[in-house]
Amino acid sequence: KVDYPSHGRLKNWEMMFSEMSSFHDTHGHCNVPNTSSAQLEYSLLLKWANLQRYWYRKYIAGYKSKLSRERVERLESIGFS
C-alpha cells in the first residue's frame, strides 16, 4: 500500500477534529482560549481551529475552500463556526 501525503493530512484532520470534539465536550463550546497560559496546553488546537474557521467562512460565503461539505457538516455538528 502506498501512503500518499494527502492520507497523512486526512489522518491529521481526523485527529484534530477528535481533539476539538473532546474540547467541546469538556467546555461546552469550540472557542479555544488564546491566553498565554492556555496557549501552552492548546497551541496546536488553537492553530487548527483558526485555520478551520478561515476555510469555514470561505465555504459559507460561497468561495473556494479546502473544507468539504462533509467536514463543514461535522464541524457544525459540534457547534463549530
N, C-alpha and C. Protein backbone atom coordinates (compact mmCIF):
# COMPACT_ATOMS: atom_id res chain seq x y z
N LYS A 1 0.84 -1.19 0.00
CA LYS A 1 0.00 0.00 0.00
C LYS A 1 0.88 1.25 0.00
N VAL A 2 0.54 2.19 -0.86
CA VAL A 2 1.29 3.44 -0.93
C VAL A 2 0.61 4.45 -0.03
N ASP A 3 1.39 5.11 0.82
CA ASP A 3 0.84 6.11 1.73
C ASP A 3 1.05 7.49 1.11
N TYR A 4 0.03 8.02 0.49
CA TYR A 4 0.12 9.32 -0.16
C TYR A 4 0.10 10.43 0.88
N PRO A 5 0.74 11.56 0.59
CA PRO A 5 0.76 12.68 1.56
C PRO A 5 -0.63 13.11 2.00
N SER A 6 -1.60 13.08 1.09
CA SER A 6 -2.95 13.52 1.45
C SER A 6 -3.55 12.61 2.53
N HIS A 7 -3.13 11.35 2.54
CA HIS A 7 -3.62 10.43 3.57
C HIS A 7 -3.17 10.91 4.95
N GLY A 8 -1.96 11.39 5.04
CA GLY A 8 -1.44 11.93 6.29
C GLY A 8 -2.23 13.14 6.75
N ARG A 9 -2.58 14.01 5.81
CA ARG A 9 -3.37 15.20 6.16
C ARG A 9 -4.76 14.80 6.61
N LEU A 10 -5.33 13.78 5.96
CA LEU A 10 -6.66 13.30 6.35
C LEU A 10 -6.61 12.75 7.77
N LYS A 11 -5.61 11.97 8.06
CA LYS A 11 -5.45 11.40 9.40
C LYS A 11 -5.27 12.52 10.42
N ASN A 12 -4.48 13.53 10.07
CA ASN A 12 -4.25 14.66 10.97
C ASN A 12 -5.55 15.43 11.21
N TRP A 13 -6.36 15.65 10.16
CA TRP A 13 -7.62 16.37 10.33
C TRP A 13 -8.53 15.59 11.27
N GLU A 14 -8.60 14.30 11.09
CA GLU A 14 -9.44 13.46 11.95
C GLU A 14 -8.98 13.53 13.40
N MET A 15 -7.68 13.51 13.61
CA MET A 15 -7.13 13.57 14.96
C MET A 15 -7.47 14.92 15.61
N MET A 16 -7.30 16.00 14.87
CA MET A 16 -7.58 17.32 15.41
C MET A 16 -9.09 17.53 15.61
N PHE A 17 -9.91 16.98 14.71
CA PHE A 17 -11.35 17.08 14.90
C PHE A 17 -11.75 16.36 16.19
N SER A 18 -11.16 15.21 16.41
CA SER A 18 -11.44 14.46 17.63
C SER A 18 -11.03 15.27 18.86
N GLU A 19 -9.90 15.95 18.77
CA GLU A 19 -9.45 16.79 19.89
C GLU A 19 -10.42 17.96 20.11
N MET A 20 -10.89 18.55 19.01
CA MET A 20 -11.84 19.66 19.13
C MET A 20 -13.15 19.16 19.71
N SER A 21 -13.58 17.99 19.31
CA SER A 21 -14.81 17.41 19.83
C SER A 21 -14.70 17.16 21.34
N SER A 22 -13.55 16.68 21.76
CA SER A 22 -13.30 16.47 23.20
C SER A 22 -13.29 17.79 23.95
N PHE A 23 -12.67 18.81 23.33
CA PHE A 23 -12.64 20.15 23.94
C PHE A 23 -14.08 20.64 24.12
N HIS A 24 -14.90 20.46 23.09
CA HIS A 24 -16.30 20.88 23.15
C HIS A 24 -17.05 20.13 24.25
N ASP A 25 -16.82 18.83 24.34
CA ASP A 25 -17.49 18.04 25.37
C ASP A 25 -17.12 18.52 26.78
N THR A 26 -15.88 18.91 26.95
CA THR A 26 -15.39 19.37 28.26
C THR A 26 -15.85 20.77 28.60
N HIS A 27 -15.78 21.68 27.61
CA HIS A 27 -16.01 23.10 27.88
C HIS A 27 -17.36 23.63 27.40
N GLY A 28 -18.07 22.83 26.59
CA GLY A 28 -19.38 23.25 26.12
C GLY A 28 -19.35 24.24 24.96
N HIS A 29 -18.18 24.47 24.38
CA HIS A 29 -18.03 25.37 23.24
C HIS A 29 -16.76 25.01 22.48
N CYS A 30 -16.56 25.66 21.34
CA CYS A 30 -15.38 25.39 20.50
C CYS A 30 -14.44 26.59 20.42
N ASN A 31 -14.56 27.50 21.37
CA ASN A 31 -13.70 28.69 21.39
C ASN A 31 -12.44 28.42 22.21
N VAL A 32 -11.41 27.97 21.51
CA VAL A 32 -10.15 27.63 22.18
C VAL A 32 -9.52 28.91 22.71
N PRO A 33 -9.15 28.95 23.99
CA PRO A 33 -8.59 30.17 24.57
C PRO A 33 -7.26 30.56 23.93
N ASN A 34 -7.05 31.86 23.85
CA ASN A 34 -5.84 32.40 23.24
C ASN A 34 -4.99 33.14 24.27
N THR A 35 -5.10 32.77 25.52
CA THR A 35 -4.30 33.41 26.57
C THR A 35 -2.95 32.73 26.64
N SER A 36 -1.97 33.43 27.17
CA SER A 36 -0.62 32.87 27.20
C SER A 36 -0.55 31.58 28.00
N SER A 37 -1.30 31.48 29.09
CA SER A 37 -1.27 30.25 29.89
C SER A 37 -1.95 29.09 29.16
N ALA A 38 -3.01 29.38 28.42
CA ALA A 38 -3.73 28.33 27.70
C ALA A 38 -3.01 27.93 26.42
N GLN A 39 -2.22 28.84 25.86
CA GLN A 39 -1.54 28.53 24.61
C GLN A 39 -0.61 27.34 24.74
N LEU A 40 -0.01 27.17 25.89
CA LEU A 40 0.86 26.01 26.08
C LEU A 40 0.08 24.72 25.94
N GLU A 41 -1.09 24.68 26.54
CA GLU A 41 -1.90 23.46 26.52
C GLU A 41 -2.61 23.26 25.20
N TYR A 42 -3.06 24.35 24.58
CA TYR A 42 -3.92 24.25 23.40
C TYR A 42 -3.31 24.83 22.13
N SER A 43 -2.01 25.01 22.06
CA SER A 43 -1.42 25.71 20.92
C SER A 43 -1.75 25.06 19.58
N LEU A 44 -1.63 23.75 19.47
CA LEU A 44 -1.93 23.09 18.20
C LEU A 44 -3.42 23.16 17.88
N LEU A 45 -4.26 22.96 18.88
CA LEU A 45 -5.70 23.02 18.66
C LEU A 45 -6.13 24.43 18.27
N LEU A 46 -5.54 25.44 18.88
CA LEU A 46 -5.85 26.83 18.54
C LEU A 46 -5.49 27.13 17.09
N LYS A 47 -4.31 26.72 16.67
CA LYS A 47 -3.88 26.95 15.27
C LYS A 47 -4.82 26.22 14.31
N TRP A 48 -5.16 24.98 14.63
CA TRP A 48 -6.04 24.21 13.78
C TRP A 48 -7.42 24.86 13.70
N ALA A 49 -7.95 25.28 14.85
CA ALA A 49 -9.28 25.91 14.89
C ALA A 49 -9.30 27.20 14.08
N ASN A 50 -8.26 28.00 14.19
CA ASN A 50 -8.20 29.25 13.43
C ASN A 50 -8.18 28.97 11.93
N LEU A 51 -7.44 27.96 11.52
CA LEU A 51 -7.38 27.61 10.10
C LEU A 51 -8.72 27.06 9.62
N GLN A 52 -9.38 26.24 10.43
CA GLN A 52 -10.69 25.72 10.05
C GLN A 52 -11.71 26.85 9.93
N ARG A 53 -11.64 27.82 10.84
CA ARG A 53 -12.57 28.96 10.78
C ARG A 53 -12.36 29.77 9.50
N TYR A 54 -11.10 29.95 9.12
CA TYR A 54 -10.80 30.67 7.88
C TYR A 54 -11.46 29.97 6.69
N TRP A 55 -11.24 28.65 6.55
CA TRP A 55 -11.80 27.91 5.43
C TRP A 55 -13.32 27.75 5.57
N TYR A 56 -13.81 27.68 6.79
CA TYR A 56 -15.25 27.58 7.02
C TYR A 56 -15.95 28.84 6.51
N ARG A 57 -15.40 29.98 6.88
CA ARG A 57 -16.01 31.25 6.43
C ARG A 57 -16.01 31.36 4.91
N LYS A 58 -14.94 30.93 4.27
CA LYS A 58 -14.88 30.94 2.81
C LYS A 58 -15.96 30.03 2.24
N TYR A 59 -16.10 28.85 2.80
CA TYR A 59 -17.10 27.89 2.32
C TYR A 59 -18.50 28.48 2.45
N ILE A 60 -18.80 29.02 3.61
CA ILE A 60 -20.14 29.58 3.87
C ILE A 60 -20.42 30.76 2.93
N ALA A 61 -19.40 31.55 2.62
CA ALA A 61 -19.57 32.70 1.75
C ALA A 61 -19.63 32.31 0.27
N GLY A 62 -19.41 31.02 -0.03
CA GLY A 62 -19.50 30.56 -1.40
C GLY A 62 -18.20 30.62 -2.18
N TYR A 63 -17.11 30.88 -1.49
CA TYR A 63 -15.80 30.92 -2.15
C TYR A 63 -15.15 29.54 -2.11
N LYS A 64 -14.11 29.39 -2.89
CA LYS A 64 -13.35 28.14 -2.89
C LYS A 64 -12.76 27.92 -1.50
N SER A 65 -12.92 26.70 -1.01
CA SER A 65 -12.47 26.38 0.34
C SER A 65 -11.83 25.00 0.36
N LYS A 66 -10.92 24.80 1.27
CA LYS A 66 -10.30 23.48 1.43
C LYS A 66 -11.16 22.55 2.26
N LEU A 67 -12.28 23.07 2.79
CA LEU A 67 -13.20 22.22 3.56
C LEU A 67 -14.26 21.64 2.64
N SER A 68 -14.48 20.36 2.75
CA SER A 68 -15.55 19.72 2.00
C SER A 68 -16.87 19.95 2.74
N ARG A 69 -17.95 19.69 2.05
CA ARG A 69 -19.27 19.79 2.68
C ARG A 69 -19.35 18.87 3.90
N GLU A 70 -18.81 17.67 3.78
CA GLU A 70 -18.83 16.71 4.89
C GLU A 70 -18.11 17.28 6.11
N ARG A 71 -16.95 17.89 5.91
CA ARG A 71 -16.22 18.45 7.04
C ARG A 71 -16.96 19.63 7.65
N VAL A 72 -17.54 20.45 6.81
CA VAL A 72 -18.32 21.58 7.33
C VAL A 72 -19.46 21.05 8.20
N GLU A 73 -20.15 20.03 7.72
CA GLU A 73 -21.26 19.46 8.49
C GLU A 73 -20.77 18.85 9.80
N ARG A 74 -19.61 18.21 9.76
CA ARG A 74 -19.07 17.63 11.00
C ARG A 74 -18.70 18.71 11.99
N LEU A 75 -18.07 19.78 11.51
CA LEU A 75 -17.73 20.90 12.39
C LEU A 75 -18.99 21.51 12.99
N GLU A 76 -19.99 21.71 12.15
CA GLU A 76 -21.25 22.29 12.64
C GLU A 76 -21.94 21.37 13.65
N SER A 77 -21.75 20.08 13.53
CA SER A 77 -22.40 19.13 14.43
C SER A 77 -21.91 19.27 15.88
N ILE A 78 -20.73 19.88 16.07
CA ILE A 78 -20.23 20.10 17.42
C ILE A 78 -20.29 21.59 17.79
N GLY A 79 -21.01 22.37 17.01
CA GLY A 79 -21.18 23.78 17.34
C GLY A 79 -20.05 24.68 16.90
N PHE A 80 -19.22 24.21 16.00
CA PHE A 80 -18.09 24.98 15.50
C PHE A 80 -18.57 25.94 14.43
N SER A 81 -18.15 27.20 14.54
CA SER A 81 -18.48 28.17 13.48
C SER A 81 -17.46 29.28 13.48
